Amino acid sequence: MHKDQPNQLHRRFFEIPNLKYAMAYAWFQKGSVIQQLLHQLKYEGNEAMGVLLGEIYGDQLLDFYAGKWDLITAVPIHIKKHRKRGFNQSHRIAEGLSQKLSIPFMPLLEKSVHKKSQTRKHRIQRFENVDSTFHLKKPSTSLKGKRILLVDDVLTTGATVQACSVPLQKAGAEISIVTIAATRN
């Protein structure tokens, strides 16, 4: 799905002006191998799985997207969740992508408000839950003209990546989105 742009996933993000690319390694299916691998990463503490998934997807993106981005960043988690889990799963995926694509990874965003998990929320609640919760770690960071690849582990409605794209675009960046799995909404 990453070679066709715009694609079904890309069309979900009409709220992100000038979105360059939107890609997913696989469509999310309950009980699939991808779901099991993501569960190991996110809930069983298998950090290496995130790096591996990023490397595998990076291999696929390498030929088609070489030189398309200046920087890779990832969806942040709140500090409380980070303390509990010990790591950010999207950061691990971004690290694997960074290694394969030879593009620097830099955590540019922070989640300033701790809100409840999106897992059991419907579409409207997801967008309301993340509105204005993401900010640049260093507001003075100049991203003008930078082409940034924003990484998330699983994409359902797209509310989280949409909210993350706002401060990046306000800082002048061009955004592309990549995820390991996306639901077919």
N, C-alpha and C. Protein backbone atom coordinates (compact mmCIF):
# COMPACT_ATOMS: atom_id res chain seq x y z
N MET A 1 0.82 -1.19 0.00
CA MET A 1 0.00 0.00 0.00
C MET A 1 0.86 1.25 0.00
N HIS A 2 2.14 1.12 0.21
CA HIS A 2 2.99 2.31 0.29
C HIS A 2 3.40 2.84 -1.08
N LYS A 3 3.29 2.06 -2.11
CA LYS A 3 3.72 2.53 -3.43
C LYS A 3 2.67 3.39 -4.12
N ASP A 4 1.41 3.19 -3.77
CA ASP A 4 0.34 3.97 -4.38
C ASP A 4 0.02 5.18 -3.52
N GLN A 5 0.21 6.37 -4.08
CA GLN A 5 -0.07 7.63 -3.36
C GLN A 5 -0.85 8.55 -4.29
N PRO A 6 -1.93 9.15 -3.88
CA PRO A 6 -2.62 8.90 -2.62
C PRO A 6 -3.29 7.53 -2.66
N ASN A 7 -3.51 6.97 -1.49
CA ASN A 7 -4.12 5.65 -1.36
C ASN A 7 -5.30 5.74 -0.39
N GLN A 8 -5.89 4.58 -0.09
CA GLN A 8 -7.04 4.54 0.82
C GLN A 8 -6.70 5.16 2.18
N LEU A 9 -5.53 4.89 2.67
CA LEU A 9 -5.10 5.43 3.96
C LEU A 9 -4.90 6.95 3.87
N HIS A 10 -4.27 7.39 2.82
CA HIS A 10 -4.01 8.82 2.60
C HIS A 10 -5.31 9.62 2.61
N ARG A 11 -6.34 9.09 2.02
CA ARG A 11 -7.61 9.81 1.90
C ARG A 11 -8.30 10.02 3.24
N ARG A 12 -7.92 9.31 4.28
CA ARG A 12 -8.47 9.53 5.62
C ARG A 12 -8.07 10.86 6.21
N PHE A 13 -6.97 11.40 5.74
CA PHE A 13 -6.36 12.56 6.38
C PHE A 13 -6.62 13.86 5.64
N PHE A 14 -7.87 14.10 5.31
CA PHE A 14 -8.21 15.36 4.65
C PHE A 14 -7.99 16.55 5.58
N GLU A 15 -7.89 16.31 6.90
CA GLU A 15 -7.66 17.37 7.88
C GLU A 15 -6.18 17.76 7.99
N ILE A 16 -5.30 17.00 7.36
CA ILE A 16 -3.87 17.33 7.40
C ILE A 16 -3.52 17.96 6.06
N PRO A 17 -3.42 19.29 6.03
CA PRO A 17 -3.11 19.94 4.76
C PRO A 17 -1.73 19.54 4.26
N ASN A 18 -1.66 19.32 2.98
CA ASN A 18 -0.39 19.01 2.30
C ASN A 18 0.29 17.75 2.81
N LEU A 19 -0.49 16.78 3.27
CA LEU A 19 0.09 15.49 3.65
C LEU A 19 0.73 14.88 2.41
N LYS A 20 2.00 14.54 2.52
CA LYS A 20 2.74 14.04 1.36
C LYS A 20 2.46 12.56 1.11
N TYR A 21 2.75 11.71 2.11
CA TYR A 21 2.56 10.27 1.96
C TYR A 21 1.89 9.72 3.21
N ALA A 22 1.10 8.67 3.03
CA ALA A 22 0.50 7.93 4.15
C ALA A 22 0.65 6.45 3.82
N MET A 23 1.32 5.72 4.72
CA MET A 23 1.66 4.33 4.43
C MET A 23 1.48 3.43 5.63
N ALA A 24 1.13 2.20 5.36
CA ALA A 24 1.04 1.18 6.40
C ALA A 24 1.66 -0.11 5.87
N TYR A 25 2.35 -0.79 6.76
CA TYR A 25 2.96 -2.07 6.39
C TYR A 25 1.88 -3.10 6.08
N ALA A 26 0.80 -3.10 6.89
CA ALA A 26 -0.27 -4.09 6.71
C ALA A 26 -1.59 -3.53 7.19
N TRP A 27 -2.67 -4.12 6.69
CA TRP A 27 -3.98 -3.83 7.25
C TRP A 27 -4.13 -4.62 8.53
N PHE A 28 -4.68 -3.98 9.54
CA PHE A 28 -4.85 -4.62 10.85
C PHE A 28 -6.00 -5.62 10.78
N GLN A 29 -5.73 -6.83 11.26
CA GLN A 29 -6.75 -7.87 11.37
C GLN A 29 -6.60 -8.55 12.71
N LYS A 30 -7.73 -8.69 13.42
CA LYS A 30 -7.68 -9.37 14.72
C LYS A 30 -7.17 -10.79 14.54
N GLY A 31 -6.28 -11.20 15.43
CA GLY A 31 -5.74 -12.55 15.39
C GLY A 31 -4.61 -12.75 14.39
N SER A 32 -4.25 -11.71 13.65
CA SER A 32 -3.19 -11.84 12.65
C SER A 32 -1.82 -11.87 13.31
N VAL A 33 -0.83 -12.27 12.54
CA VAL A 33 0.54 -12.28 13.02
C VAL A 33 0.97 -10.86 13.40
N ILE A 34 0.59 -9.88 12.60
CA ILE A 34 0.95 -8.49 12.90
C ILE A 34 0.37 -8.07 14.25
N GLN A 35 -0.88 -8.42 14.52
CA GLN A 35 -1.47 -8.08 15.81
C GLN A 35 -0.67 -8.73 16.94
N GLN A 36 -0.29 -9.98 16.77
CA GLN A 36 0.47 -10.67 17.80
C GLN A 36 1.84 -10.02 18.02
N LEU A 37 2.50 -9.63 16.95
CA LEU A 37 3.80 -8.98 17.06
C LEU A 37 3.68 -7.62 17.75
N LEU A 38 2.66 -6.85 17.38
CA LEU A 38 2.45 -5.55 18.01
C LEU A 38 2.07 -5.71 19.49
N HIS A 39 1.34 -6.76 19.81
CA HIS A 39 0.99 -7.02 21.21
C HIS A 39 2.25 -7.34 22.01
N GLN A 40 3.15 -8.13 21.43
CA GLN A 40 4.43 -8.42 22.10
C GLN A 40 5.20 -7.13 22.37
N LEU A 41 5.21 -6.25 21.39
CA LEU A 41 5.91 -4.99 21.53
C LEU A 41 5.28 -4.12 22.61
N LYS A 42 4.00 -3.88 22.48
CA LYS A 42 3.33 -2.88 23.31
C LYS A 42 3.01 -3.35 24.72
N TYR A 43 2.63 -4.59 24.87
CA TYR A 43 2.13 -5.06 26.17
C TYR A 43 3.02 -6.09 26.86
N GLU A 44 3.95 -6.68 26.12
CA GLU A 44 4.82 -7.69 26.72
C GLU A 44 6.26 -7.20 26.85
N GLY A 45 6.49 -5.94 26.53
CA GLY A 45 7.81 -5.34 26.74
C GLY A 45 8.89 -5.77 25.77
N ASN A 46 8.52 -6.32 24.62
CA ASN A 46 9.50 -6.78 23.65
C ASN A 46 9.94 -5.61 22.76
N GLU A 47 10.82 -4.77 23.31
CA GLU A 47 11.27 -3.58 22.59
C GLU A 47 11.97 -3.91 21.27
N ALA A 48 12.69 -5.01 21.25
CA ALA A 48 13.42 -5.40 20.05
C ALA A 48 12.46 -5.68 18.89
N MET A 49 11.23 -6.08 19.21
CA MET A 49 10.23 -6.34 18.16
C MET A 49 9.93 -5.05 17.41
N GLY A 50 9.88 -3.93 18.11
CA GLY A 50 9.61 -2.65 17.45
C GLY A 50 10.71 -2.28 16.47
N VAL A 51 11.96 -2.44 16.90
CA VAL A 51 13.08 -2.13 16.03
C VAL A 51 13.05 -3.06 14.81
N LEU A 52 12.79 -4.34 15.05
CA LEU A 52 12.72 -5.32 13.95
C LEU A 52 11.62 -4.96 12.96
N LEU A 53 10.43 -4.64 13.46
CA LEU A 53 9.33 -4.26 12.56
C LEU A 53 9.71 -3.03 11.74
N GLY A 54 10.35 -2.06 12.38
CA GLY A 54 10.81 -0.87 11.66
C GLY A 54 11.83 -1.21 10.58
N GLU A 55 12.74 -2.11 10.90
CA GLU A 55 13.75 -2.51 9.92
C GLU A 55 13.12 -3.26 8.74
N ILE A 56 12.19 -4.14 9.04
CA ILE A 56 11.52 -4.91 7.97
C ILE A 56 10.77 -3.96 7.03
N TYR A 57 10.02 -3.03 7.62
CA TYR A 57 9.28 -2.09 6.78
C TYR A 57 10.24 -1.13 6.07
N GLY A 58 11.29 -0.75 6.74
CA GLY A 58 12.29 0.11 6.13
C GLY A 58 12.89 -0.51 4.87
N ASP A 59 13.11 -1.82 4.91
CA ASP A 59 13.61 -2.53 3.72
C ASP A 59 12.67 -2.34 2.54
N GLN A 60 11.37 -2.41 2.80
CA GLN A 60 10.39 -2.26 1.72
C GLN A 60 10.32 -0.82 1.21
N LEU A 61 10.50 0.13 2.10
CA LEU A 61 10.40 1.54 1.71
C LEU A 61 11.66 2.06 1.04
N LEU A 62 12.77 1.40 1.26
CA LEU A 62 14.08 1.90 0.83
C LEU A 62 14.14 2.24 -0.66
N ASP A 63 13.75 1.33 -1.51
CA ASP A 63 13.86 1.57 -2.95
C ASP A 63 12.93 2.68 -3.43
N PHE A 64 11.72 2.69 -2.93
CA PHE A 64 10.72 3.63 -3.42
C PHE A 64 10.84 5.02 -2.81
N TYR A 65 11.28 5.10 -1.55
CA TYR A 65 11.26 6.37 -0.84
C TYR A 65 12.64 6.90 -0.44
N ALA A 66 13.68 6.39 -0.98
CA ALA A 66 15.02 6.86 -0.63
C ALA A 66 15.13 8.36 -0.91
N GLY A 67 15.58 9.10 0.09
CA GLY A 67 15.77 10.53 -0.06
C GLY A 67 14.52 11.39 0.06
N LYS A 68 13.40 10.80 0.43
CA LYS A 68 12.14 11.55 0.51
C LYS A 68 11.97 12.31 1.83
N TRP A 69 12.73 11.94 2.87
CA TRP A 69 12.56 12.58 4.18
C TRP A 69 13.90 13.03 4.74
N ASP A 70 13.82 14.09 5.54
CA ASP A 70 15.01 14.62 6.21
C ASP A 70 15.14 14.10 7.63
N LEU A 71 14.02 13.72 8.21
CA LEU A 71 13.98 13.40 9.63
C LEU A 71 12.83 12.45 9.92
N ILE A 72 13.04 11.56 10.88
CA ILE A 72 11.98 10.66 11.35
C ILE A 72 11.67 11.03 12.79
N THR A 73 10.37 11.12 13.10
CA THR A 73 9.94 11.31 14.48
C THR A 73 8.80 10.35 14.75
N ALA A 74 8.37 10.29 15.99
CA ALA A 74 7.33 9.31 16.35
C ALA A 74 6.30 9.93 17.27
N VAL A 75 5.14 9.31 17.28
CA VAL A 75 4.07 9.71 18.20
C VAL A 75 4.58 9.48 19.63
N PRO A 76 4.52 10.51 20.46
CA PRO A 76 4.99 10.34 21.84
C PRO A 76 3.91 9.73 22.73
N ILE A 77 4.35 9.20 23.87
CA ILE A 77 3.42 8.79 24.91
C ILE A 77 3.67 9.69 26.12
N HIS A 78 2.70 9.80 26.97
CA HIS A 78 2.84 10.64 28.16
C HIS A 78 3.90 10.04 29.08
N ILE A 79 4.56 10.89 29.84
CA ILE A 79 5.65 10.47 30.74
C ILE A 79 5.17 9.40 31.74
N LYS A 80 3.92 9.49 32.19
CA LYS A 80 3.39 8.48 33.12
C LYS A 80 3.33 7.11 32.46
N LYS A 81 2.88 7.07 31.22
CA LYS A 81 2.81 5.80 30.49
C LYS A 81 4.22 5.29 30.19
N HIS A 82 5.12 6.21 29.90
CA HIS A 82 6.51 5.83 29.62
C HIS A 82 7.14 5.19 30.86
N ARG A 83 6.90 5.78 32.00
CA ARG A 83 7.44 5.21 33.25
C ARG A 83 6.89 3.81 33.49
N LYS A 84 5.60 3.64 33.23
CA LYS A 84 4.95 2.34 33.46
C LYS A 84 5.46 1.28 32.48
N ARG A 85 5.50 1.63 31.19
CA ARG A 85 5.91 0.68 30.15
C ARG A 85 7.42 0.57 30.05
N GLY A 86 8.13 1.68 30.29
CA GLY A 86 9.58 1.67 30.20
C GLY A 86 10.14 2.10 28.86
N PHE A 87 9.29 2.26 27.88
CA PHE A 87 9.72 2.68 26.54
C PHE A 87 8.50 3.12 25.74
N ASN A 88 8.78 3.74 24.60
CA ASN A 88 7.73 4.14 23.67
C ASN A 88 7.81 3.22 22.47
N GLN A 89 6.76 2.47 22.21
CA GLN A 89 6.75 1.49 21.13
C GLN A 89 6.93 2.14 19.76
N SER A 90 6.34 3.31 19.55
CA SER A 90 6.50 4.00 18.25
C SER A 90 7.93 4.47 18.05
N HIS A 91 8.60 4.85 19.14
CA HIS A 91 10.02 5.23 19.04
C HIS A 91 10.86 4.04 18.58
N ARG A 92 10.56 2.86 19.08
CA ARG A 92 11.35 1.69 18.69
C ARG A 92 11.17 1.39 17.20
N ILE A 93 9.94 1.51 16.70
CA ILE A 93 9.69 1.30 15.27
C ILE A 93 10.45 2.36 14.47
N ALA A 94 10.38 3.61 14.93
CA ALA A 94 11.09 4.71 14.25
C ALA A 94 12.60 4.47 14.23
N GLU A 95 13.14 3.92 15.31
CA GLU A 95 14.57 3.61 15.34
C GLU A 95 14.94 2.58 14.28
N GLY A 96 14.10 1.56 14.10
CA GLY A 96 14.35 0.56 13.06
C GLY A 96 14.27 1.16 11.67
N LEU A 97 13.28 2.01 11.45
CA LEU A 97 13.16 2.70 10.16
C LEU A 97 14.37 3.59 9.92
N SER A 98 14.79 4.30 10.95
CA SER A 98 15.94 5.19 10.85
C SER A 98 17.19 4.43 10.43
N GLN A 99 17.40 3.27 11.03
CA GLN A 99 18.58 2.47 10.71
C GLN A 99 18.56 2.02 9.26
N LYS A 100 17.42 1.53 8.80
CA LYS A 100 17.33 1.02 7.43
C LYS A 100 17.34 2.11 6.37
N LEU A 101 16.69 3.23 6.68
CA LEU A 101 16.58 4.30 5.69
C LEU A 101 17.72 5.30 5.78
N SER A 102 18.59 5.16 6.79
CA SER A 102 19.71 6.09 7.02
C SER A 102 19.23 7.53 7.12
N ILE A 103 18.16 7.71 7.90
CA ILE A 103 17.59 9.03 8.17
C ILE A 103 17.59 9.21 9.68
N PRO A 104 18.03 10.36 10.17
CA PRO A 104 18.06 10.55 11.63
C PRO A 104 16.68 10.48 12.27
N PHE A 105 16.64 9.85 13.43
CA PHE A 105 15.43 9.81 14.26
C PHE A 105 15.60 10.83 15.38
N MET A 106 14.58 11.67 15.55
CA MET A 106 14.62 12.67 16.62
C MET A 106 13.21 12.79 17.22
N PRO A 107 13.07 12.53 18.53
CA PRO A 107 11.78 12.72 19.18
C PRO A 107 11.47 14.22 19.29
N LEU A 108 10.62 14.71 18.40
CA LEU A 108 10.32 16.14 18.34
C LEU A 108 9.13 16.55 19.19
N LEU A 109 8.26 15.59 19.48
CA LEU A 109 7.00 15.91 20.13
C LEU A 109 6.93 15.39 21.56
N GLU A 110 6.05 16.01 22.33
CA GLU A 110 5.74 15.51 23.66
C GLU A 110 4.23 15.53 23.84
N LYS A 111 3.78 14.62 24.67
CA LYS A 111 2.35 14.57 25.00
C LYS A 111 2.22 15.23 26.36
N SER A 112 1.59 16.40 26.37
CA SER A 112 1.57 17.20 27.58
C SER A 112 0.40 16.90 28.50
N VAL A 113 -0.59 16.20 28.01
CA VAL A 113 -1.77 15.89 28.82
C VAL A 113 -1.94 14.38 28.85
N HIS A 114 -2.08 13.82 30.05
CA HIS A 114 -2.29 12.38 30.17
C HIS A 114 -3.78 12.11 30.10
N LYS A 115 -4.18 11.45 29.03
CA LYS A 115 -5.59 11.11 28.85
C LYS A 115 -5.73 9.62 28.78
N LYS A 116 -6.96 9.16 28.90
CA LYS A 116 -7.21 7.72 28.87
C LYS A 116 -6.89 7.14 27.50
N SER A 117 -6.63 5.84 27.50
CA SER A 117 -6.29 5.11 26.29
C SER A 117 -7.37 5.30 25.22
N GLN A 118 -6.95 5.26 23.98
CA GLN A 118 -7.86 5.38 22.85
C GLN A 118 -8.52 4.04 22.52
N THR A 119 -8.01 2.96 23.07
CA THR A 119 -8.37 1.62 22.64
C THR A 119 -9.87 1.37 22.56
N ARG A 120 -10.63 1.79 23.54
CA ARG A 120 -12.06 1.47 23.57
C ARG A 120 -12.96 2.66 23.20
N LYS A 121 -12.39 3.66 22.58
CA LYS A 121 -13.16 4.84 22.21
C LYS A 121 -13.61 4.76 20.75
N HIS A 122 -14.78 5.33 20.46
CA HIS A 122 -15.22 5.38 19.07
C HIS A 122 -14.61 6.61 18.39
N ARG A 123 -14.84 6.74 17.10
CA ARG A 123 -14.16 7.73 16.26
C ARG A 123 -14.19 9.15 16.83
N ILE A 124 -15.35 9.69 17.14
CA ILE A 124 -15.47 11.07 17.62
C ILE A 124 -14.73 11.23 18.94
N GLN A 125 -14.88 10.26 19.85
CA GLN A 125 -14.20 10.34 21.14
C GLN A 125 -12.69 10.35 20.97
N ARG A 126 -12.18 9.61 19.99
CA ARG A 126 -10.73 9.57 19.76
C ARG A 126 -10.19 10.95 19.36
N PHE A 127 -10.90 11.63 18.48
CA PHE A 127 -10.46 12.96 18.06
C PHE A 127 -10.54 13.95 19.21
N GLU A 128 -11.61 13.89 20.00
CA GLU A 128 -11.75 14.78 21.16
C GLU A 128 -10.68 14.48 22.21
N ASN A 129 -10.32 13.22 22.36
CA ASN A 129 -9.36 12.79 23.39
C ASN A 129 -7.95 13.32 23.15
N VAL A 130 -7.58 13.54 21.90
CA VAL A 130 -6.20 13.96 21.60
C VAL A 130 -6.07 15.41 21.17
N ASP A 131 -7.18 16.11 21.07
CA ASP A 131 -7.14 17.50 20.64
C ASP A 131 -6.23 18.33 21.55
N SER A 132 -5.26 19.00 20.97
CA SER A 132 -4.33 19.91 21.67
C SER A 132 -3.49 19.23 22.75
N THR A 133 -3.17 17.97 22.60
CA THR A 133 -2.36 17.29 23.62
C THR A 133 -0.90 17.14 23.21
N PHE A 134 -0.56 17.41 21.96
CA PHE A 134 0.80 17.23 21.49
C PHE A 134 1.45 18.58 21.17
N HIS A 135 2.73 18.71 21.57
CA HIS A 135 3.46 19.96 21.37
C HIS A 135 4.90 19.63 21.01
N LEU A 136 5.57 20.60 20.39
CA LEU A 136 6.99 20.43 20.13
C LEU A 136 7.74 20.45 21.45
N LYS A 137 8.72 19.55 21.59
CA LYS A 137 9.54 19.52 22.81
C LYS A 137 10.29 20.84 22.97
N LYS A 138 10.80 21.34 21.87
CA LYS A 138 11.51 22.61 21.87
C LYS A 138 10.78 23.53 20.89
N PRO A 139 9.89 24.38 21.40
CA PRO A 139 9.09 25.23 20.52
C PRO A 139 9.91 26.08 19.55
N SER A 140 11.13 26.36 19.88
CA SER A 140 11.95 27.20 19.01
C SER A 140 12.60 26.40 17.87
N THR A 141 12.40 25.08 17.87
CA THR A 141 12.99 24.23 16.83
C THR A 141 12.49 24.65 15.45
N SER A 142 13.41 24.93 14.55
CA SER A 142 13.04 25.32 13.19
C SER A 142 12.88 24.06 12.33
N LEU A 143 11.67 23.85 11.88
CA LEU A 143 11.40 22.72 11.00
C LEU A 143 10.98 23.19 9.61
N LYS A 144 11.13 24.48 9.37
CA LYS A 144 10.70 25.06 8.10
C LYS A 144 11.37 24.33 6.93
N GLY A 145 10.53 23.79 6.06
CA GLY A 145 11.02 23.09 4.88
C GLY A 145 11.48 21.67 5.12
N LYS A 146 11.48 21.20 6.36
CA LYS A 146 11.91 19.83 6.65
C LYS A 146 10.82 18.85 6.25
N ARG A 147 11.25 17.74 5.69
CA ARG A 147 10.33 16.66 5.30
C ARG A 147 10.41 15.60 6.40
N ILE A 148 9.31 15.47 7.14
CA ILE A 148 9.31 14.61 8.33
C ILE A 148 8.41 13.41 8.14
N LEU A 149 8.96 12.25 8.52
CA LEU A 149 8.19 11.01 8.53
C LEU A 149 7.73 10.78 9.97
N LEU A 150 6.42 10.81 10.19
CA LEU A 150 5.82 10.63 11.51
C LEU A 150 5.39 9.17 11.66
N VAL A 151 5.88 8.51 12.71
CA VAL A 151 5.69 7.07 12.90
C VAL A 151 4.72 6.79 14.05
N ASP A 152 3.79 5.87 13.81
CA ASP A 152 2.91 5.35 14.85
C ASP A 152 2.88 3.83 14.72
N ASP A 153 2.52 3.15 15.80
CA ASP A 153 2.50 1.69 15.75
C ASP A 153 1.25 1.17 15.04
N VAL A 154 0.07 1.62 15.50
CA VAL A 154 -1.21 1.19 14.92
C VAL A 154 -2.05 2.42 14.65
N LEU A 155 -2.69 2.46 13.51
CA LEU A 155 -3.52 3.58 13.14
C LEU A 155 -4.96 3.09 13.00
N THR A 156 -5.86 3.65 13.79
CA THR A 156 -7.27 3.29 13.66
C THR A 156 -8.01 4.43 12.97
N THR A 157 -8.40 5.45 13.71
CA THR A 157 -9.09 6.58 13.09
C THR A 157 -8.12 7.59 12.49
N GLY A 158 -6.91 7.63 13.01
CA GLY A 158 -5.93 8.62 12.58
C GLY A 158 -5.92 9.86 13.45
N ALA A 159 -6.72 9.87 14.51
CA ALA A 159 -6.82 11.05 15.38
C ALA A 159 -5.48 11.42 15.99
N THR A 160 -4.72 10.43 16.42
CA THR A 160 -3.45 10.72 17.09
C THR A 160 -2.44 11.33 16.13
N VAL A 161 -2.24 10.73 14.97
CA VAL A 161 -1.26 11.28 14.02
C VAL A 161 -1.73 12.63 13.49
N GLN A 162 -3.03 12.80 13.36
CA GLN A 162 -3.54 14.10 12.92
C GLN A 162 -3.20 15.16 13.96
N ALA A 163 -3.42 14.85 15.23
CA ALA A 163 -3.10 15.81 16.30
C ALA A 163 -1.59 16.06 16.37
N CYS A 164 -0.79 15.04 16.15
CA CYS A 164 0.67 15.20 16.16
C CYS A 164 1.16 16.05 14.99
N SER A 165 0.48 15.98 13.87
CA SER A 165 0.92 16.73 12.69
C SER A 165 0.73 18.24 12.84
N VAL A 166 -0.20 18.67 13.68
CA VAL A 166 -0.50 20.10 13.81
C VAL A 166 0.73 20.91 14.23
N PRO A 167 1.38 20.59 15.36
CA PRO A 167 2.55 21.41 15.74
C PRO A 167 3.71 21.29 14.75
N LEU A 168 3.84 20.14 14.11
CA LEU A 168 4.91 19.97 13.13
C LEU A 168 4.67 20.86 11.91
N GLN A 169 3.44 20.89 11.44
CA GLN A 169 3.14 21.72 10.28
C GLN A 169 3.18 23.21 10.63
N LYS A 170 2.74 23.56 11.84
CA LYS A 170 2.83 24.96 12.26
C LYS A 170 4.28 25.43 12.29
N ALA A 171 5.20 24.50 12.54
CA ALA A 171 6.63 24.83 12.55
C ALA A 171 7.23 24.82 11.15
N GLY A 172 6.40 24.54 10.12
CA GLY A 172 6.85 24.62 8.75
C GLY A 172 7.25 23.31 8.09
N ALA A 173 6.98 22.19 8.73
CA ALA A 173 7.38 20.89 8.18
C ALA A 173 6.35 20.32 7.21
N GLU A 174 6.86 19.53 6.27
CA GLU A 174 6.01 18.72 5.40
C GLU A 174 5.90 17.35 6.06
N ILE A 175 4.70 16.82 6.16
CA ILE A 175 4.47 15.59 6.92
C ILE A 175 4.12 14.42 6.01
N SER A 176 4.70 13.26 6.34
CA SER A 176 4.30 11.96 5.81
C SER A 176 4.05 11.07 7.02
N ILE A 177 3.18 10.11 6.87
CA ILE A 177 2.79 9.23 7.97
C ILE A 177 3.10 7.79 7.61
N VAL A 178 3.64 7.06 8.59
CA VAL A 178 3.86 5.63 8.40
C VAL A 178 3.46 4.90 9.68
N THR A 179 2.87 3.72 9.50
CA THR A 179 2.45 2.90 10.62
C THR A 179 2.67 1.43 10.25
N ILE A 180 2.77 0.61 11.26
CA ILE A 180 2.93 -0.82 11.00
C ILE A 180 1.60 -1.42 10.57
N ALA A 181 0.51 -1.06 11.25
CA ALA A 181 -0.80 -1.60 10.90
C ALA A 181 -1.85 -0.50 10.93
N ALA A 182 -2.80 -0.58 10.00
CA ALA A 182 -3.90 0.37 9.95
C ALA A 182 -5.20 -0.40 9.78
N THR A 183 -6.23 0.08 10.48
CA THR A 183 -7.54 -0.53 10.30
C THR A 183 -8.14 -0.04 8.99
N ARG A 184 -9.08 -0.79 8.48
CA ARG A 184 -9.76 -0.41 7.23
C ARG A 184 -11.03 0.36 7.56
N ASN A 185 -10.89 1.62 7.92
CA ASN A 185 -12.07 2.46 8.25
C ASN A 185 -12.62 3.09 7.02
